[in-house]
N, C-alpha and C. Protein backbone atom coordinates (compact mmCIF):
# COMPACT_ATOMS: atom_id res chain seq x y z
N UNK A 1 98.51 103.49 113.09
CA UNK A 1 99.11 101.72 112.88
C UNK A 1 98.27 100.65 113.58
N UNK A 2 98.22 99.70 113.42
CA UNK A 2 97.21 98.76 114.06
C UNK A 2 98.23 97.92 114.13
N UNK A 3 97.91 96.96 115.54
CA UNK A 3 99.43 95.50 115.37
C UNK A 3 98.08 94.62 115.94
N UNK A 4 97.84 93.27 115.83
CA UNK A 4 97.29 92.38 115.92
C UNK A 4 98.63 91.28 116.74
N UNK A 5 98.61 91.07 117.84
CA UNK A 5 99.40 90.43 118.39
C UNK A 5 99.18 89.36 119.08
N UNK A 6 100.11 87.76 119.16
CA UNK A 6 99.44 87.05 119.56
C UNK A 6 100.27 85.34 119.69
N UNK A 7 99.84 84.14 119.56
CA UNK A 7 100.62 83.04 119.42
C UNK A 7 100.73 82.96 117.90
N UNK A 8 100.25 83.51 117.09
CA UNK A 8 100.38 83.23 115.81
C UNK A 8 101.56 84.20 115.47
N UNK A 9 101.63 85.02 116.23
CA UNK A 9 102.77 86.29 115.97
C UNK A 9 102.29 87.45 115.25
N UNK A 10 102.78 88.67 115.17
CA UNK A 10 102.45 90.21 114.60
C UNK A 10 101.97 90.20 113.60
N UNK A 11 100.57 90.99 113.14
CA UNK A 11 100.15 91.49 112.05
C UNK A 11 100.00 92.77 111.98
N UNK A 12 100.13 93.51 111.35
CA UNK A 12 100.50 94.65 111.50
C UNK A 12 99.79 95.30 110.18
N UNK A 13 98.90 97.05 110.02
CA UNK A 13 98.26 97.49 109.16
C UNK A 13 98.91 98.82 109.58
N UNK A 14 99.33 99.51 108.45
CA UNK A 14 100.26 101.00 108.65
C UNK A 14 101.13 100.52 109.36
N UNK A 15 102.07 102.23 108.43
CA UNK A 15 103.71 101.90 109.52
C UNK A 15 104.03 103.29 109.06
N UNK A 16 104.88 103.66 109.73
CA UNK A 16 106.01 104.62 109.00
C UNK A 16 106.72 104.90 109.30
N UNK A 17 107.62 106.15 109.87
CA UNK A 17 109.40 105.63 110.35
C UNK A 17 109.82 104.82 110.49
N UNK A 18 110.77 104.24 110.39
CA UNK A 18 111.48 102.89 110.72
C UNK A 18 111.93 102.23 111.85
N UNK A 19 112.37 104.06 112.09
CA UNK A 19 113.43 103.86 113.51
C UNK A 19 112.57 103.95 114.76
N UNK A 20 111.30 105.32 114.69
CA UNK A 20 110.28 105.50 115.63
C UNK A 20 109.40 103.93 115.60
N UNK A 21 109.26 103.16 114.68
CA UNK A 21 108.56 102.11 114.75
C UNK A 21 109.01 101.19 115.61
N UNK A 22 110.69 100.59 115.32
CA UNK A 22 111.48 100.05 116.14
C UNK A 22 111.91 100.51 117.78
N UNK A 23 111.90 101.56 117.97
CA UNK A 23 111.87 102.12 119.49
C UNK A 23 110.41 101.78 120.21
N UNK A 24 109.47 101.86 119.30
CA UNK A 24 108.02 101.24 119.66
C UNK A 24 108.02 99.59 119.90
N UNK A 25 109.07 99.29 119.61
CA UNK A 25 108.51 97.68 119.07
C UNK A 25 109.61 96.77 120.66
N UNK A 26 110.31 98.06 121.38
CA UNK A 26 110.97 97.00 122.84
C UNK A 26 110.38 96.46 123.53
N UNK A 27 110.99 95.57 124.06
CA UNK A 27 110.08 94.69 125.10
C UNK A 27 108.68 93.70 124.16
N UNK A 28 109.05 93.85 123.21
CA UNK A 28 108.15 93.09 122.08
C UNK A 28 109.22 91.94 121.49
N UNK A 29 108.45 91.09 121.05
CA UNK A 29 110.06 90.25 119.92
C UNK A 29 110.08 90.94 118.90
N UNK A 30 111.57 90.87 118.98
CA UNK A 30 111.44 91.69 117.33
C UNK A 30 113.09 91.16 117.05
N UNK A 31 113.59 90.73 115.92
CA UNK A 31 112.67 90.70 114.69
C UNK A 31 111.60 89.95 114.50
N UNK A 32 110.49 89.51 113.71
CA UNK A 32 109.24 88.88 113.71
C UNK A 32 110.09 87.56 112.98
N UNK A 33 109.58 86.60 113.89
CA UNK A 33 109.95 85.11 113.55
C UNK A 33 109.54 84.08 113.77
N UNK A 34 108.54 84.29 113.19
CA UNK A 34 107.34 83.34 113.08
C UNK A 34 106.39 83.14 111.68
N UNK A 35 106.27 82.41 110.34
CA UNK A 35 105.99 82.03 109.03
C UNK A 35 104.43 82.46 109.54
N UNK A 36 104.33 83.49 108.55
CA UNK A 36 103.10 83.69 108.51
C UNK A 36 102.73 85.36 108.79
N UNK A 37 103.68 85.82 109.76
CA UNK A 37 103.00 87.39 110.64
C UNK A 37 103.83 88.24 109.06
N UNK A 38 102.56 89.22 108.90
CA UNK A 38 102.71 89.81 107.98
C UNK A 38 102.16 91.91 108.09
N UNK A 39 102.07 92.56 107.37
CA UNK A 39 102.22 93.87 107.83
C UNK A 39 101.41 93.86 106.47
N UNK A 40 100.61 94.75 106.32
CA UNK A 40 99.37 95.18 105.56
C UNK A 40 100.11 96.19 104.70
N UNK A 41 99.91 97.01 103.86
CA UNK A 41 100.31 98.48 103.24
C UNK A 41 98.57 98.56 103.13
N UNK A 42 98.15 99.92 103.02
CA UNK A 42 97.22 99.91 102.97
C UNK A 42 96.66 100.83 101.77
N UNK A 43 97.66 101.30 101.11
CA UNK A 43 97.89 102.00 99.62
C UNK A 43 99.35 101.70 99.45
N UNK A 44 99.54 102.55 98.19
CA UNK A 44 101.20 102.28 97.59
C UNK A 44 101.94 104.25 98.41
N UNK A 45 101.46 104.61 98.71
CA UNK A 45 101.97 106.28 99.44
C UNK A 45 103.60 106.27 100.11
N UNK A 46 104.37 106.64 99.71
CA UNK A 46 105.66 106.12 100.17
C UNK A 46 105.71 106.03 102.09
N UNK A 47 104.47 107.47 102.51
CA UNK A 47 104.79 107.75 104.10
C UNK A 47 104.02 106.25 104.90
N UNK A 48 102.70 105.12 103.99
CA UNK A 48 102.10 104.34 104.12
C UNK A 48 103.23 102.48 103.89
N UNK A 49 104.39 103.10 102.87
CA UNK A 49 105.35 102.05 102.64
C UNK A 49 106.76 102.19 103.00
N UNK A 50 107.15 103.02 103.58
CA UNK A 50 108.68 103.30 103.17
C UNK A 50 109.92 102.26 104.50
N UNK A 51 108.88 101.49 104.99
CA UNK A 51 108.92 100.35 106.46
C UNK A 51 109.17 98.74 105.70
N UNK A 52 108.84 99.27 104.44
CA UNK A 52 108.29 97.29 103.94
C UNK A 52 110.06 96.56 103.97
N UNK A 53 110.99 97.74 103.33
CA UNK A 53 111.98 96.46 103.04
C UNK A 53 112.61 96.26 104.43
N UNK A 54 112.69 97.09 105.25
CA UNK A 54 113.41 96.52 106.49
C UNK A 54 112.14 95.60 107.34
N UNK A 55 110.91 96.22 107.21
CA UNK A 55 110.25 95.01 107.83
C UNK A 55 110.51 93.68 107.97
N UNK A 56 110.23 93.54 105.83
CA UNK A 56 110.72 92.41 105.23
C UNK A 56 111.87 91.79 105.76
N UNK A 57 112.85 92.55 105.61
CA UNK A 57 114.00 91.42 106.46
C UNK A 57 114.17 91.15 107.53
N UNK A 58 113.28 91.75 108.57
CA UNK A 58 113.08 91.57 109.79
C UNK A 58 112.41 89.84 109.44
N UNK A 59 111.68 89.54 108.84
CA UNK A 59 111.02 88.30 108.54
C UNK A 59 109.39 88.22 108.46
N UNK A 60 109.17 89.78 107.97
CA UNK A 60 107.56 89.84 107.65
C UNK A 60 106.93 89.76 106.52
N UNK A 61 106.60 88.99 106.07
CA UNK A 61 105.40 89.31 104.93
C UNK A 61 104.73 90.73 104.50
N UNK A 62 104.95 91.14 103.34
CA UNK A 62 104.16 91.85 102.82
C UNK A 62 103.31 92.09 102.23
N UNK A 63 101.60 92.50 102.62
CA UNK A 63 100.32 92.24 102.11
C UNK A 63 99.76 93.47 101.70
N UNK A 64 99.40 93.10 100.57
CA UNK A 64 99.22 94.72 99.73
C UNK A 64 97.78 94.15 98.44
N UNK A 65 97.08 95.07 98.05
CA UNK A 65 96.32 95.33 96.95
C UNK A 65 97.73 95.12 95.60
N UNK A 66 97.17 94.83 94.54
CA UNK A 66 98.23 94.56 93.45
C UNK A 66 98.27 95.40 93.19
N UNK A 67 97.35 96.74 93.18
CA UNK A 67 97.43 97.94 92.17
C UNK A 67 98.56 98.95 93.28
N UNK A 68 98.72 98.62 94.54
CA UNK A 68 100.29 98.60 95.62
C UNK A 68 101.15 98.73 94.25
N UNK A 69 101.42 97.11 94.64
CA UNK A 69 103.05 96.57 94.13
C UNK A 69 103.21 97.54 92.61
N UNK A 70 101.62 97.20 92.13
CA UNK A 70 102.38 98.62 90.15
C UNK A 70 102.65 99.58 90.68
N UNK A 71 101.86 99.73 91.62
CA UNK A 71 102.32 101.35 91.60
C UNK A 71 103.72 101.84 92.17
N UNK A 72 104.14 100.87 93.20
CA UNK A 72 105.37 101.02 93.38
C UNK A 72 106.76 100.95 92.36
N UNK A 73 106.09 100.12 92.22
CA UNK A 73 107.39 99.50 90.97
C UNK A 73 107.51 100.63 89.68
N UNK A 74 106.83 101.82 90.07
CA UNK A 74 106.82 103.22 88.88
C UNK A 74 107.10 104.19 89.21
N UNK A 75 107.74 104.91 88.81
CA UNK A 75 108.57 106.48 89.02
C UNK A 75 106.92 107.42 89.01
N UNK A 76 107.35 107.96 90.25
CA UNK A 76 105.96 109.37 90.24
C UNK A 76 106.71 110.58 90.66
N UNK A 77 105.75 111.18 89.78
CA UNK A 77 105.92 112.98 90.36
C UNK A 77 104.48 113.77 90.91
N UNK A 78 105.16 113.65 92.04
CA UNK A 78 103.46 114.09 92.61
C UNK A 78 103.56 115.52 92.72
N UNK A 79 102.43 116.13 92.12
CA UNK A 79 102.14 117.81 92.26
C UNK A 79 101.80 118.46 93.67
N UNK A 80 102.93 119.48 94.09
CA UNK A 80 102.59 120.30 95.43
C UNK A 80 102.26 119.39 96.61
N UNK A 81 103.16 118.80 97.16
CA UNK A 81 102.93 118.10 98.82
C UNK A 81 103.60 118.86 99.46
N UNK A 82 104.61 119.61 99.90
CA UNK A 82 105.08 120.15 101.14
C UNK A 82 105.09 121.64 100.74
N UNK A 83 105.02 122.13 101.91
CA UNK A 83 105.89 123.72 101.39
C UNK A 83 107.06 123.79 102.38
N UNK A 84 108.65 124.43 101.58
CA UNK A 84 109.70 124.39 102.23
C UNK A 84 109.28 125.99 103.51
N UNK A 85 110.80 126.25 103.88
CA UNK A 85 110.87 127.17 105.37
C UNK A 85 110.50 128.25 104.64
N UNK A 86 110.86 128.64 103.23
CA UNK A 86 110.14 130.21 102.77
C UNK A 86 108.85 129.90 101.95
N UNK A 87 108.11 128.59 102.44
CA UNK A 87 106.43 128.64 101.85
C UNK A 87 106.25 128.26 100.77
N UNK A 88 107.36 128.40 100.24
CA UNK A 88 107.15 127.95 98.29
C UNK A 88 106.76 126.61 98.36
N UNK A 89 106.19 126.33 97.61
CA UNK A 89 105.20 124.76 97.17
C UNK A 89 105.93 124.16 96.27
N UNK A 90 106.19 122.55 96.42
CA UNK A 90 106.89 121.67 95.97
C UNK A 90 106.90 120.44 95.90
N UNK A 91 107.17 120.38 94.28
CA UNK A 91 106.45 119.04 93.90
C UNK A 91 107.19 117.85 94.31
N UNK A 92 107.14 116.21 94.26
CA UNK A 92 108.21 115.33 94.85
C UNK A 92 108.21 114.07 93.89
N UNK A 93 108.84 113.84 93.61
CA UNK A 93 109.81 113.00 91.94
C UNK A 93 110.11 111.37 93.15
N UNK A 94 109.52 110.38 93.05
CA UNK A 94 109.60 109.68 93.87
C UNK A 94 110.44 108.04 92.45
N UNK A 95 111.69 107.20 92.69
CA UNK A 95 111.60 106.40 91.55
C UNK A 95 111.02 105.07 91.85
N UNK A 96 111.23 104.26 91.65
CA UNK A 96 110.26 103.30 91.55
C UNK A 96 111.23 102.21 92.80
N UNK A 97 110.20 101.64 93.46
CA UNK A 97 110.81 101.04 94.80
C UNK A 97 111.55 100.42 94.28
N UNK A 98 112.88 99.89 95.38
CA UNK A 98 113.53 98.55 95.34
C UNK A 98 112.73 97.34 95.51
N UNK A 99 112.99 96.12 94.71
CA UNK A 99 112.16 94.93 94.43
C UNK A 99 112.04 94.32 95.98
N UNK A 100 113.12 94.67 97.10
CA UNK A 100 112.20 94.14 98.46
C UNK A 100 111.49 95.34 99.13
N UNK A 101 111.33 95.80 98.66
CA UNK A 101 110.49 96.82 98.97
C UNK A 101 108.79 97.37 98.62
N UNK A 102 109.29 95.97 97.56
CA UNK A 102 107.97 96.08 96.98
C UNK A 102 106.70 94.34 97.65
N UNK A 103 105.08 95.23 97.81
CA UNK A 103 104.71 92.88 98.34
C UNK A 103 104.95 92.01 97.63
N UNK A 104 105.26 91.35 98.84
CA UNK A 104 105.36 89.77 98.62
C UNK A 104 104.24 89.25 98.34
N UNK A 105 102.64 89.80 98.62
CA UNK A 105 101.36 89.14 98.60
C UNK A 105 100.86 90.11 97.96
N UNK A 106 100.03 89.38 96.69
CA UNK A 106 98.92 90.86 96.76
C UNK A 106 97.41 89.95 96.49
N UNK A 107 96.62 90.49 96.32
CA UNK A 107 95.45 90.03 95.62
C UNK A 107 94.87 91.22 95.16
N UNK A 108 93.52 90.95 94.17
CA UNK A 108 92.60 91.81 93.39
C UNK A 108 91.40 92.71 94.14
N UNK A 109 91.25 92.25 95.05
CA UNK A 109 89.45 93.11 95.77
C UNK A 109 89.26 92.29 97.05
N UNK A 110 89.20 90.86 97.25
CA UNK A 110 89.34 90.87 98.70
C UNK A 110 90.19 89.71 99.31
N UNK A 111 90.64 89.91 100.60
CA UNK A 111 91.20 88.61 101.17
C UNK A 111 91.38 88.74 102.46
N UNK A 112 91.23 87.33 103.45
CA UNK A 112 90.95 87.18 104.73
C UNK A 112 92.10 86.35 105.31
N UNK A 113 92.29 87.13 106.76
CA UNK A 113 93.69 86.19 107.46
C UNK A 113 93.04 86.00 108.77
N UNK A 114 93.37 84.64 109.25
CA UNK A 114 93.22 84.25 110.07
C UNK A 114 94.04 83.87 111.27
N UNK A 115 94.11 84.65 112.42
CA UNK A 115 95.48 84.89 113.22
C UNK A 115 94.71 85.11 114.67
N UNK A 116 95.71 84.59 115.55
CA UNK A 116 95.10 84.96 116.55
C UNK A 116 93.71 85.39 117.14
N UNK A 117 93.21 84.00 116.70
CA UNK A 117 91.69 83.69 117.30
C UNK A 117 90.89 84.99 116.77
N UNK A 118 91.15 85.97 115.73
CA UNK A 118 90.81 87.14 115.12
C UNK A 118 90.73 87.15 113.50
N UNK A 119 89.57 87.75 112.80
CA UNK A 119 89.22 87.25 111.35
C UNK A 119 89.43 89.02 110.69
N UNK A 120 90.83 89.17 109.48
CA UNK A 120 91.31 90.61 109.15
C UNK A 120 90.40 90.05 108.14
N UNK A 121 89.56 90.97 107.28
CA UNK A 121 88.79 90.82 105.85
C UNK A 121 89.10 92.16 105.62
N UNK A 122 89.91 92.07 104.07
CA UNK A 122 90.59 92.73 103.71
C UNK A 122 89.82 93.40 102.20
N UNK A 123 89.61 94.44 102.12
CA UNK A 123 88.74 95.25 100.62
C UNK A 123 88.96 96.04 100.29
N UNK A 124 89.03 95.94 98.84
CA UNK A 124 90.00 97.06 97.90
C UNK A 124 88.20 97.98 97.52
N UNK A 125 89.02 99.11 97.67
CA UNK A 125 87.87 100.14 97.41
C UNK A 125 87.86 100.56 95.81
N UNK A 126 86.68 101.39 95.31
CA UNK A 126 86.93 101.73 93.59
C UNK A 126 87.71 102.79 93.95
N UNK A 127 88.78 103.22 92.80
CA UNK A 127 90.02 104.11 93.05
C UNK A 127 88.83 105.96 93.56
N UNK A 128 89.36 105.97 95.03
CA UNK A 128 89.36 107.41 95.84
C UNK A 128 90.32 108.28 96.04
N UNK A 129 90.95 107.76 96.87
CA UNK A 129 92.88 108.36 97.89
C UNK A 129 93.38 107.57 96.23
N UNK A 130 93.61 106.53 96.04
CA UNK A 130 94.24 105.94 95.17
C UNK A 130 93.53 105.38 94.02
N UNK A 131 94.39 104.32 93.96
CA UNK A 131 93.54 103.16 93.25
C UNK A 131 94.03 101.58 93.71
N UNK A 132 94.82 101.94 94.49
CA UNK A 132 95.01 101.02 95.41
C UNK A 132 94.17 100.64 97.35
N UNK A 133 93.43 101.30 97.15
CA UNK A 133 93.16 101.47 98.77
C UNK A 133 92.64 100.42 99.35
N UNK A 134 92.70 100.17 100.21
CA UNK A 134 91.64 98.78 101.29
C UNK A 134 91.64 99.35 102.61
N UNK A 135 90.49 98.38 102.82
CA UNK A 135 90.30 98.82 104.28
C UNK A 135 90.86 96.97 105.29
N UNK A 136 90.39 97.44 106.42
CA UNK A 136 90.65 96.10 106.63
C UNK A 136 90.09 95.78 108.56
N UNK A 137 88.78 95.21 108.08
CA UNK A 137 88.21 94.82 109.62
C UNK A 137 88.81 94.14 110.46
N UNK A 138 88.93 94.34 111.70
CA UNK A 138 89.09 93.34 112.43
C UNK A 138 87.96 92.93 112.88
N UNK A 139 87.55 91.73 112.67
CA UNK A 139 85.74 91.36 113.16
C UNK A 139 85.90 91.34 114.13
N UNK A 140 86.24 90.49 115.29
CA UNK A 140 86.31 89.91 115.99
C UNK A 140 86.52 91.13 117.17
N UNK A 141 87.39 92.05 116.96
CA UNK A 141 87.95 92.91 117.61
C UNK A 141 86.95 94.38 117.39
N UNK A 142 86.32 94.15 116.44
CA UNK A 142 85.48 95.73 116.15
C UNK A 142 86.17 96.72 115.94
N UNK A 143 87.37 96.69 115.32
CA UNK A 143 88.31 97.39 114.56
C UNK A 143 87.84 97.98 113.21
N UNK A 144 87.96 98.95 112.28
CA UNK A 144 88.43 98.76 111.36
C UNK A 144 89.13 100.23 110.59
N UNK A 145 90.19 99.47 110.35
CA UNK A 145 91.71 100.66 109.61
C UNK A 145 91.41 100.96 108.32
N UNK A 146 91.19 102.29 108.22
CA UNK A 146 90.72 103.03 106.84
C UNK A 146 92.03 103.49 106.35
N UNK A 147 93.25 102.95 107.14
CA UNK A 147 94.14 103.98 106.12
C UNK A 147 93.50 105.33 104.96
N UNK A 148 94.76 105.60 104.53
CA UNK A 148 93.92 107.10 103.84
C UNK A 148 93.28 107.27 102.96
N UNK A 149 91.89 106.67 103.37
CA UNK A 149 90.57 106.96 102.65
C UNK A 149 89.35 107.91 103.76
N UNK A 150 90.59 107.52 105.09
CA UNK A 150 90.10 108.26 106.26
C UNK A 150 90.86 108.97 106.72
N UNK A 151 90.66 110.37 106.59
CA UNK A 151 91.69 111.27 107.53
C UNK A 151 90.94 112.27 108.50
N UNK A 152 91.45 111.83 109.34
CA UNK A 152 90.29 112.48 110.44
C UNK A 152 90.17 113.58 111.29
N UNK A 153 89.39 114.79 111.28
CA UNK A 153 89.88 116.57 111.41
C UNK A 153 90.20 117.43 110.05
N UNK A 154 90.47 116.45 108.84
CA UNK A 154 91.02 117.31 107.88
C UNK A 154 90.06 116.69 106.62
N UNK A 155 90.38 117.28 105.49
CA UNK A 155 90.07 116.89 103.99
C UNK A 155 90.96 115.76 103.36
N UNK A 156 91.28 114.70 102.83
CA UNK A 156 92.39 113.90 102.44
C UNK A 156 92.42 114.35 101.57
N UNK A 157 94.04 114.55 101.22
CA UNK A 157 94.99 114.22 100.15
C UNK A 157 94.28 113.63 98.81
N UNK A 158 94.13 113.45 97.42
CA UNK A 158 93.58 113.13 96.68
C UNK A 158 94.93 113.00 95.57
N UNK A 159 95.09 111.86 95.26
CA UNK A 159 96.43 111.28 94.06
C UNK A 159 95.79 112.00 93.14
N UNK A 160 96.42 112.96 92.24
CA UNK A 160 95.42 113.34 91.15
C UNK A 160 95.69 112.88 90.04
N UNK A 161 96.93 111.69 90.23
CA UNK A 161 96.88 110.91 88.87
C UNK A 161 95.96 109.23 89.02
N UNK A 162 95.67 109.35 90.63
CA UNK A 162 95.17 107.38 90.57
C UNK A 162 93.76 107.76 91.31
N UNK A 163 93.98 109.01 91.93
CA UNK A 163 92.54 108.93 93.06
C UNK A 163 91.21 109.61 91.41
N UNK A 164 90.03 109.52 92.54
CA UNK A 164 88.95 110.01 92.04
C UNK A 164 88.53 110.96 93.09
N UNK A 165 88.69 112.58 93.01
CA UNK A 165 88.09 113.51 93.79
C UNK A 165 86.75 113.26 93.64
N UNK A 166 86.00 113.39 91.60
CA UNK A 166 84.69 113.97 91.52
C UNK A 166 83.75 112.65 92.12
N UNK A 167 84.81 111.53 92.38
CA UNK A 167 83.66 110.19 92.75
C UNK A 167 83.97 109.92 93.89
N UNK A 168 84.31 110.19 94.84
CA UNK A 168 84.99 110.14 96.31
C UNK A 168 83.49 109.66 96.57
N UNK A 169 82.76 110.56 97.27
CA UNK A 169 81.53 110.09 98.12
C UNK A 169 81.01 108.73 97.15
N UNK A 170 80.88 108.58 96.04
CA UNK A 170 80.74 107.16 95.37
C UNK A 170 81.27 106.28 95.56
N UNK A 171 82.95 106.46 95.72
CA UNK A 171 83.77 105.08 96.11
C UNK A 171 83.51 104.90 97.31
N UNK A 172 83.53 105.79 98.86
CA UNK A 172 82.79 105.90 99.81
C UNK A 172 81.56 106.30 100.62
N UNK A 173 80.69 105.52 100.00
CA UNK A 173 79.35 105.97 100.79
C UNK A 173 79.45 106.03 102.13
N UNK A 174 79.33 106.40 103.06
CA UNK A 174 79.07 106.31 104.58
C UNK A 174 78.56 104.91 104.86
N UNK A 175 77.69 104.59 104.16
CA UNK A 175 76.84 102.78 104.23
C UNK A 175 78.02 102.04 104.35
N UNK A 176 78.78 102.31 103.11
CA UNK A 176 80.02 101.59 103.17
C UNK A 176 80.45 100.53 104.43
N UNK A 177 80.94 101.70 104.86
CA UNK A 177 81.68 101.34 106.29
C UNK A 177 81.12 101.69 106.91
N UNK A 178 80.07 102.12 107.38
CA UNK A 178 79.28 102.36 108.60
C UNK A 178 78.20 100.85 109.14
N UNK A 179 78.02 100.32 107.63
CA UNK A 179 77.07 99.00 107.77
C UNK A 179 77.65 98.31 108.49
N UNK A 180 79.08 97.84 108.54
CA UNK A 180 79.77 97.42 109.10
C UNK A 180 80.21 97.78 111.05
N UNK A 181 79.73 98.55 111.45
CA UNK A 181 80.13 99.49 112.27
C UNK A 181 79.01 99.60 113.55
N UNK A 182 78.92 99.65 114.26
CA UNK A 182 77.86 99.52 115.17
C UNK A 182 78.67 100.99 116.67
N UNK A 183 77.58 101.02 117.57
CA UNK A 183 78.44 101.98 118.41
C UNK A 183 79.88 101.84 119.43
N UNK A 184 80.06 101.01 119.03
CA UNK A 184 81.51 100.52 120.26
C UNK A 184 82.63 100.10 118.78
N UNK A 185 82.51 99.86 117.60
CA UNK A 185 83.16 100.73 116.68
C UNK A 185 84.87 101.01 117.10
N UNK A 186 85.97 100.97 116.43
CA UNK A 186 87.02 101.79 117.14
C UNK A 186 87.81 102.12 115.52
N UNK A 187 87.75 102.89 114.53
CA UNK A 187 87.73 103.27 113.31
C UNK A 187 89.26 104.10 113.29
N UNK A 188 90.39 103.21 112.53
CA UNK A 188 91.40 104.01 113.11
C UNK A 188 91.94 104.47 111.47
N UNK A 189 92.14 106.54 111.79
CA UNK A 189 92.60 106.76 110.28
C UNK A 189 93.98 106.86 109.73
N UNK A 190 94.41 107.03 108.55
CA UNK A 190 95.06 106.81 107.99
C UNK A 190 96.02 108.54 108.76
N UNK A 191 95.33 109.15 108.92
CA UNK A 191 95.97 110.28 109.60
C UNK A 191 95.35 111.27 110.59
N UNK A 192 94.99 111.65 111.62
CA UNK A 192 94.36 111.89 112.06
C UNK A 192 94.19 110.71 113.39
N UNK A 193 93.43 111.20 114.81
CA UNK A 193 92.86 110.75 115.75
C UNK A 193 92.00 109.46 115.37
N UNK A 194 92.38 108.49 116.51
CA UNK A 194 91.32 107.12 116.40
C UNK A 194 90.14 107.86 117.01
N UNK A 195 88.89 107.21 115.96
CA UNK A 195 87.50 107.35 115.86
C UNK A 195 86.77 106.96 116.90
N UNK A 196 85.67 107.06 117.99
CA UNK A 196 85.27 106.12 118.56
C UNK A 196 83.98 106.10 117.80
N UNK A 197 83.08 105.42 117.02
CA UNK A 197 81.38 104.75 116.58
C UNK A 197 80.61 105.69 117.45
N UNK A 198 79.66 106.33 116.86
CA UNK A 198 79.41 106.62 117.96
C UNK A 198 77.61 107.23 117.08
């Protein structure tokens, strides 16, 4: 999770369980109270969108690629996502997300936000992890939030319906992101520790 906080309010990229998130927000202004504050979904998967309804109810606008809203509006059966205590593999079924959990604002290819003296550049990837992935470049802070297009230290899960395993390296060539980075860039993975570019 990456948070930009300042006089214009909070701008959050990535989020997980609401109870843990609320606990982490103790001592800061909560709920969100300024017009224009937003949460940015990096893609449609449940582990990155399951706080949308809570955060929107607290005052944030949810912003995402248009395919994120489309996929969240559909039912899904995702194969072999977890093992139970006995080691058996299980598929997961997801009903369509409720209306209050869907992004309120979407974009097709790219989008820019100006807030708290920072420029956030949002860019859609060609299908790779899913068909809804974006990265967010905090240009002044020199931080790139990759969402689940980057799992640090492990091979990423690729959505079997909407991702493109055989095209992954075409969609995510190193120069696409590394051309934005220098030796001081911090790269935030969807899963795994922060990476300092070197």
